[in-house]
Amino acid sequence: MDDKLEFNKNYETVGDDVLLFVGNQAFFLVRRFKELAASKFSEILWLTAQKEFRQISIMNWMRELCINEETKIMGGDIKWNSPKEVIDCQVLKIGSKGWQKGKVQIEVNKNINSKETQTSIKFCPDEPLEPKSPLDDIRQSEEYKKLSNNN
């Protein structure tokens, strides 16, 4: 495993940013990618395993777990996660100066009862962002430069 990733496991949710998937050079607005992922996930859930059950979805099969006639456990959410730390991606964040390389993780949750789908895109930069020092503004000031030149 890459030491940089081991050190920096700070996944943050990305919002109105742009994703660039490195392998196929595909660009997506995060908002649009979330819509596509949720739609595809819902489509997959409605596929059936056998021809004779075409009218019954996988989601309906998973609505309850029947242990026996008396014991039925109702389902809640169906969750899908992409593998962690293997999807190379770059993110262009609003207000940033350029693309940031890292890994992206995708999570899709579907509530069986409400049929609502939630998708989140999380990004972990390869290089941790350098925290801005509170002294940086002071060091850039004219007064500081004058004082440092006098010494």
Foldseek 3Di string as FASTA:
>chain_A
DDPLCVVFVDWDWADQWWKAFPPVRDIDGPVVVFVVVQVVVVVQQQDDDDPVPNVDGVLNVQQWDDPDPVDIGGDFKDKDKDDPFPGWMWIGHVPDPDIFTFHKMKMWMATSPVRDIDITIITIGSHDDDDDDPCPVVCPDPVNVVVVVVD
